[in-house]
Protein backbone atom coordinates (compact mmCIF):
# COMPACT_ATOMS: atom_id res chain seq x y z
CA MET A 1 15.85 -37.34 -4.94
CA LEU A 2 15.86 -41.09 -6.89
CA ASN A 3 16.77 -43.58 -3.70
CA LYS A 4 15.70 -46.98 -5.33
CA LEU A 5 15.58 -48.31 -8.69
CA LEU A 6 13.95 -51.96 -9.72
CA VAL A 7 15.40 -52.90 -12.83
CA TYR A 8 14.00 -54.93 -15.95
CA ILE A 9 16.06 -54.73 -19.12
CA THR A 10 16.54 -58.54 -21.01
CA HIS A 11 16.14 -58.89 -24.28
CA PRO A 12 16.24 -62.76 -25.73
CA HIS A 13 18.54 -61.89 -29.33
CA VAL A 14 20.44 -58.49 -29.18
CA ASP A 15 23.75 -58.92 -26.35
CA ALA A 16 23.54 -55.22 -26.16
CA TRP A 17 20.39 -54.62 -25.34
CA ASN A 18 20.58 -55.84 -21.69
CA PHE A 19 21.52 -54.86 -18.44
CA LYS A 20 25.35 -56.16 -16.60
CA PRO A 21 26.57 -55.36 -13.77
CA GLU A 22 28.50 -52.87 -15.24
CA HIS A 23 25.27 -50.57 -16.13
CA LYS A 24 24.57 -51.05 -12.39
CA ASP A 25 27.91 -50.07 -11.07
CA ILE A 26 28.02 -46.93 -13.07
CA LEU A 27 24.34 -45.60 -11.65
CA GLN A 28 25.37 -46.16 -8.70
CA ALA A 29 28.69 -44.52 -9.16
CA GLN A 30 26.76 -41.35 -10.38
CA VAL A 31 23.62 -41.37 -8.03
CA ALA A 32 24.70 -40.47 -4.46
CA GLY A 33 22.89 -43.17 -2.57
CA LEU A 34 20.80 -45.00 -5.55
CA GLU A 35 19.66 -48.52 -4.75
CA VAL A 36 20.06 -51.35 -7.88
CA THR A 37 18.28 -53.95 -8.16
CA VAL A 38 18.05 -56.13 -10.86
CA CYS A 39 15.64 -58.92 -12.20
CA TYR A 40 16.24 -61.30 -15.05
CA ARG A 41 12.83 -62.25 -14.88
CA SER A 42 9.41 -60.83 -15.38
CA ALA A 43 8.38 -62.97 -12.08
CA ASP A 44 10.85 -61.10 -10.06
CA PHE A 45 10.18 -57.77 -11.73
CA LEU A 46 6.41 -58.48 -10.36
CA LYS A 47 7.58 -59.49 -7.45
CA HIS A 48 9.26 -56.55 -5.68
CA LEU A 49 6.68 -54.09 -8.36
CA PRO A 50 4.29 -53.30 -5.55
CA GLU A 51 7.09 -51.55 -3.56
CA ALA A 52 9.14 -49.91 -6.15
CA ARG A 53 8.74 -45.81 -6.27
CA ALA A 54 11.01 -46.36 -9.42
CA VAL A 55 11.68 -48.76 -12.97
CA ALA A 56 13.90 -48.90 -15.19
CA VAL A 57 11.87 -50.89 -18.52
CA TRP A 58 11.87 -52.00 -21.85
CA PHE A 59 8.40 -52.08 -22.07
CA PHE A 60 5.46 -51.94 -19.12
CA LYS A 61 2.12 -53.74 -19.48
CA LYS A 62 -0.99 -51.03 -18.63
CA GLU A 63 -2.25 -54.18 -16.28
CA TRP A 64 0.98 -54.06 -13.81
CA LEU A 65 0.16 -50.31 -13.20
CA ALA A 66 -2.91 -51.88 -10.41
CA GLN A 67 0.30 -53.83 -9.17
CA ALA A 68 2.31 -51.14 -8.51
CA PRO A 69 0.97 -48.54 -6.42
CA ASN A 70 3.34 -46.50 -5.19
CA LEU A 71 5.08 -46.31 -8.94
CA GLN A 72 6.57 -42.65 -9.52
CA LEU A 73 8.90 -42.78 -12.35
CA ILE A 74 8.89 -45.54 -15.23
CA ALA A 75 12.17 -44.93 -17.29
CA THR A 76 12.60 -47.14 -20.63
CA PRO A 77 15.66 -46.74 -22.98
CA ALA A 78 13.55 -46.40 -25.89
CA ALA A 79 12.81 -43.80 -27.64
CA GLY A 80 9.74 -44.09 -29.21
CA ASN A 81 6.38 -44.88 -26.53
CA ASP A 82 5.37 -47.84 -28.70
CA TRP A 83 5.78 -50.81 -25.60
CA VAL A 84 4.86 -48.64 -22.50
CA ASP A 85 1.72 -49.10 -22.04
CA VAL A 86 0.66 -46.48 -19.71
CA GLU A 87 0.27 -42.52 -19.93
CA PRO A 88 2.49 -40.19 -17.91
CA SER A 89 0.05 -38.21 -14.75
CA GLU A 90 1.07 -35.37 -12.17
CA ASN A 91 1.74 -38.52 -9.89
CA LEU A 92 3.89 -41.08 -12.37
CA LYS A 93 6.64 -39.24 -15.08
CA ILE A 94 7.99 -41.62 -17.78
CA SER A 95 11.37 -40.95 -19.50
CA HIS A 96 12.09 -42.08 -22.55
CA GLY A 97 15.88 -42.50 -23.86
CA GLY A 98 17.23 -39.11 -26.03
CA PHE A 99 20.55 -40.67 -26.61
CA HIS A 100 19.74 -42.50 -29.96
CA GLY A 101 20.72 -39.38 -32.10
CA MET A 102 24.55 -40.30 -33.42
CA MET A 103 23.54 -44.28 -33.57
CA ILE A 104 20.89 -44.08 -36.05
CA ALA A 105 23.17 -41.35 -37.44
CA GLU A 106 25.54 -43.50 -38.16
CA SER A 107 23.33 -46.32 -39.94
CA VAL A 108 21.94 -43.99 -41.85
CA ALA A 109 25.14 -42.30 -43.17
CA GLY A 110 26.11 -45.93 -43.84
CA ALA A 111 23.46 -47.06 -46.09
CA ILE A 112 23.46 -43.55 -48.12
CA PHE A 113 27.21 -44.60 -49.02
CA TYR A 114 26.28 -48.44 -49.80
CA PHE A 115 24.03 -46.96 -52.54
CA CYS A 116 26.20 -43.75 -53.12
CA LYS A 117 29.15 -45.49 -53.83
CA ALA A 118 28.18 -48.84 -55.66
CA PHE A 119 29.58 -50.70 -52.63
CA SER A 120 26.55 -53.53 -53.35
CA PHE A 121 27.65 -53.82 -57.31
CA SER A 122 31.05 -53.69 -56.49
CA ARG A 123 30.83 -56.59 -54.20
CA ALA A 124 29.43 -58.59 -57.09
CA ARG A 125 32.34 -58.04 -59.86
CA GLN A 126 34.82 -58.34 -56.77
CA LYS A 127 33.14 -61.72 -57.00
CA GLU A 128 33.73 -62.08 -60.21
CA LYS A 129 36.35 -61.35 -60.51
CA LYS A 130 36.10 -58.57 -62.46
CA TRP A 131 38.02 -55.06 -62.99
CA ALA A 132 34.53 -53.32 -63.63
CA THR A 133 35.57 -49.32 -63.44
CA LYS A 134 32.88 -47.96 -66.02
CA LYS A 135 30.31 -50.07 -64.81
CA ILE A 136 31.31 -49.17 -61.78
CA SER A 137 32.30 -46.21 -61.86
CA ASP A 138 29.27 -44.60 -63.61
CA ARG A 139 26.90 -46.10 -60.23
CA ILE A 140 28.80 -43.88 -58.01
CA GLN A 141 27.19 -40.92 -56.81
CA SER A 142 28.53 -37.93 -54.65
CA LEU A 143 26.40 -36.33 -51.22
CA TYR A 144 27.93 -32.81 -52.15
CA GLY A 145 25.59 -31.21 -53.94
CA ALA A 146 22.88 -33.48 -52.49
CA ASN A 147 19.54 -32.13 -51.34
CA ILE A 148 18.45 -33.93 -48.46
CA THR A 149 15.38 -34.01 -46.61
CA ILE A 150 14.56 -36.00 -43.51
CA LEU A 151 10.92 -36.47 -42.83
CA GLY A 152 10.27 -36.06 -39.36
CA PHE A 153 13.03 -33.55 -37.64
CA GLY A 154 12.64 -33.92 -34.46
CA ARG A 155 15.63 -33.91 -31.82
CA ILE A 156 17.14 -37.69 -33.61
CA GLY A 157 16.59 -36.35 -37.10
CA THR A 158 18.72 -33.45 -36.39
CA VAL A 159 21.44 -35.29 -35.62
CA ILE A 160 20.94 -37.00 -38.53
CA GLY A 161 20.91 -33.77 -40.48
CA LYS A 162 24.38 -32.89 -38.50
CA VAL A 163 26.23 -35.85 -39.47
CA LEU A 164 25.54 -35.47 -43.31
CA LYS A 165 26.01 -31.79 -43.39
CA PRO A 166 30.11 -31.94 -43.65
CA PHE A 167 29.71 -33.54 -47.15
CA GLY A 168 28.19 -30.75 -48.83
CA CYS A 169 24.42 -31.37 -48.96
CA THR A 170 21.55 -29.43 -48.63
CA LEU A 171 18.97 -30.30 -45.84
CA THR A 172 15.60 -29.44 -45.88
CA GLY A 173 13.60 -31.25 -42.35
CA VAL A 174 9.92 -31.28 -41.95
CA LYS A 175 8.08 -30.80 -39.48
CA ARG A 176 4.42 -30.41 -38.40
CA SER A 177 4.97 -27.09 -37.14
CA LEU A 178 8.15 -24.51 -37.49
CA VAL A 179 11.02 -24.47 -35.39
CA PRO A 180 14.07 -22.30 -35.55
CA SER A 181 16.58 -24.00 -37.62
CA PRO A 182 19.06 -25.49 -35.83
CA GLU A 183 23.33 -24.47 -36.03
CA TYR A 184 24.39 -25.58 -38.15
CA PHE A 185 22.15 -24.82 -41.00
CA THR A 186 23.44 -22.77 -43.48
CA GLU A 187 21.60 -20.33 -46.08
CA GLU A 188 20.26 -22.70 -48.54
CA ASP A 189 18.89 -25.28 -45.92
CA ARG A 190 15.36 -25.53 -44.57
CA VAL A 191 12.86 -26.19 -42.31
CA VAL A 192 9.36 -27.16 -43.64
CA THR A 193 5.61 -27.80 -42.53
CA LEU A 194 3.72 -31.33 -43.87
CA ASP A 195 1.59 -29.60 -46.04
CA GLN A 196 4.73 -28.47 -48.23
CA LEU A 197 5.56 -31.83 -48.37
CA PRO A 198 4.94 -32.43 -52.52
CA GLU A 199 6.64 -29.69 -53.38
CA VAL A 200 9.97 -30.62 -51.34
CA LEU A 201 9.63 -34.21 -52.60
CA LYS A 202 10.11 -33.10 -56.46
CA THR A 203 14.43 -32.37 -55.82
CA THR A 204 14.98 -34.59 -53.37
CA ASP A 205 17.58 -37.16 -53.83
CA HIS A 206 17.55 -38.50 -50.66
CA LEU A 207 14.51 -38.70 -48.40
CA ILE A 208 15.28 -40.17 -44.56
CA PHE A 209 11.96 -40.66 -42.79
CA VAL A 210 12.33 -40.39 -38.50
CA LEU A 211 8.43 -40.53 -37.48
CA PRO A 212 7.80 -41.93 -34.07
CA GLY A 213 4.63 -43.72 -34.46
CA GLY A 214 1.01 -43.65 -33.54
CA PRO A 215 -2.28 -42.61 -35.03
CA ASP A 216 -1.21 -39.02 -36.31
CA THR A 217 1.46 -40.35 -38.26
CA GLN A 218 0.38 -43.70 -39.70
CA GLY A 219 -0.28 -43.65 -43.18
CA VAL A 220 1.01 -40.27 -43.41
CA PHE A 221 2.60 -40.92 -46.37
CA THR A 222 0.70 -42.23 -49.17
CA ARG A 223 1.03 -43.47 -52.42
CA GLU A 224 0.32 -40.14 -54.21
CA HIS A 225 3.80 -39.08 -52.48
CA PHE A 226 5.31 -41.63 -53.76
CA LYS A 227 4.85 -40.54 -57.25
CA HIS A 228 6.53 -37.01 -56.68
CA LEU A 229 9.29 -38.22 -56.01
CA SER A 230 12.72 -38.42 -59.21
CA LYS A 231 13.50 -41.93 -60.19
CA SER A 232 16.89 -41.38 -58.44
CA CYS A 233 15.46 -41.03 -55.44
CA ILE A 234 16.75 -43.21 -52.23
CA LEU A 235 14.49 -43.61 -49.16
CA TYR A 236 15.28 -44.44 -46.03
CA ASN A 237 13.05 -45.36 -42.87
CA VAL A 238 15.05 -45.45 -39.51
CA GLY A 239 11.37 -44.65 -37.42
CA ARG A 240 8.39 -46.91 -37.58
CA GLY A 241 7.02 -48.74 -39.97
CA LYS A 242 3.68 -47.91 -40.12
CA VAL A 243 3.62 -44.42 -42.02
CA TYR A 244 3.20 -45.72 -45.27
CA LYS A 245 2.22 -48.83 -46.32
CA ASP A 246 5.12 -51.61 -47.28
CA GLU A 247 2.89 -52.53 -50.42
CA ASP A 248 2.95 -49.09 -51.81
CA LEU A 249 6.74 -48.61 -51.37
CA ALA A 250 7.24 -52.65 -53.17
CA ASP A 251 4.98 -51.07 -55.85
CA ALA A 252 6.90 -48.03 -56.33
CA LEU A 253 10.26 -49.83 -55.88
CA ASN A 254 8.76 -52.02 -58.87
CA ALA A 255 7.23 -49.15 -60.94
CA GLY A 256 10.78 -47.62 -61.06
CA GLU A 257 9.42 -44.62 -59.41
CA ILE A 258 13.06 -44.54 -56.51
CA ALA A 259 16.11 -45.96 -56.90
CA GLY A 260 16.11 -48.37 -54.30
CA ALA A 261 15.57 -47.99 -50.20
CA TYR A 262 17.52 -48.84 -46.91
CA LEU A 263 14.67 -50.31 -44.45
CA ASP A 264 15.20 -50.53 -40.67
CA VAL A 265 11.37 -51.03 -39.72
CA PHE A 266 8.12 -51.90 -41.05
CA GLU A 267 4.66 -52.24 -41.57
CA LYS A 268 4.19 -55.63 -39.74
CA GLU A 269 7.89 -56.92 -37.70
CA PRO A 270 9.14 -59.56 -38.56
CA LEU A 271 8.94 -58.61 -42.17
CA PRO A 272 6.65 -61.84 -43.45
CA PRO A 273 9.16 -64.06 -45.46
CA GLU A 274 5.99 -63.09 -48.46
CA SER A 275 6.76 -59.48 -48.51
CA PRO A 276 8.66 -58.78 -51.87
CA LEU A 277 11.25 -56.64 -50.36
CA TRP A 278 13.28 -59.34 -49.35
CA GLU A 279 14.19 -60.46 -53.64
CA MET A 280 14.47 -56.55 -54.05
CA GLU A 281 18.36 -55.63 -55.11
CA ASN A 282 17.86 -52.32 -54.69
CA VAL A 283 16.85 -52.63 -50.88
CA LEU A 284 18.89 -53.18 -47.92
CA ILE A 285 17.22 -54.62 -45.27
CA GLN A 286 18.09 -54.67 -41.38
CA PRO A 287 15.79 -55.73 -38.54
CA HIS A 288 14.86 -52.99 -36.64
CA ILE A 289 18.78 -52.15 -34.97
CA SER A 290 19.90 -49.02 -36.78
CA ALA A 291 20.49 -48.22 -32.71
CA ALA A 292 22.56 -50.94 -32.21
CA SER A 293 25.49 -50.33 -30.45
CA PRO A 294 27.53 -51.90 -27.82
CA GLN A 295 27.77 -48.59 -25.81
CA TYR A 296 23.70 -48.92 -25.28
CA LEU A 297 22.17 -49.36 -22.36
CA GLU A 298 25.72 -47.50 -21.17
CA LEU A 299 24.76 -44.49 -22.79
CA PHE A 300 21.32 -44.67 -21.28
CA VAL A 301 22.15 -45.28 -18.10
CA ARG A 302 24.67 -42.19 -18.31
CA GLU A 303 21.69 -40.33 -19.19
CA LEU A 304 19.60 -41.46 -16.53
CA ALA A 305 22.21 -40.34 -13.88
CA GLY A 306 22.28 -37.12 -14.68
CA ARG A 307 18.58 -36.26 -15.22
CA VAL A 308 18.07 -38.05 -11.54
CA ASN A 309 20.93 -35.94 -10.81
CA CYS A 310 19.66 -32.37 -12.47
CA GLY A 311 16.19 -33.29 -10.33
CA GLU A 312 14.56 -33.89 -14.03
CA LEU A 313 13.18 -36.70 -12.92
CA GLY A 314 12.57 -36.69 -8.88
């Protein structure tokens, strides 16, 4: 049973991504006998690392392993494996956060309604003090009967689908290999493999990317894939930005091959000021914060405590 944990979880910009005393209290209350040491500077963390058997961090550098002869567990709130530059082994477990689904689903749902209900266009008419009933109503769409494709139908993708399904849409989840359909699927919903993607794209109204990063997904969505989409399709990316080229996306938007995009992740981050995506009225940009929430680290520590108590993490 884990009895000591060294924590170094700080973020310079997002307050909700900083480990606080209340998070320590939750861990120690839920895991009997757990002693939590919190570091707020890398120097302090590295000072304690040689004795540590378990750490909770945003990132872990490969060179740090030489200073951690006793380390058996690296736990990170992050869903992706981008920031832990270490491979798991027989003696070292790596635990990633699995609690992000609902927060990201909220962001995707908000973006979908931003486009479907013409909120940006309505706001512009509001500033002009115009009662533009016809112009606004002509732009309004509905999720009812819409075809939604979720590219990357894993843990987060299935939660997004579950949140959207009650609005009456039809779901297609895309994975590398077939898996059983989730319990909330109805007859018209399906899970397909990547080789069926070009055909699926032709009838897609909303395309949601939830793909992880890494060499297996880099560039998986090509310029040719964009050409399969309808002109009314809206694209959403809350996975990783390198699954397509930002240049290809910008070209597709400029050519009117798709109607708009909600982008939380990019090929290069921060998104360079010279990117044409900044200036496009049919693009909604957020700076990689689709999972941001005041409860972010509370959810992480409660999940971590549960994993420890059930013996999952040793």
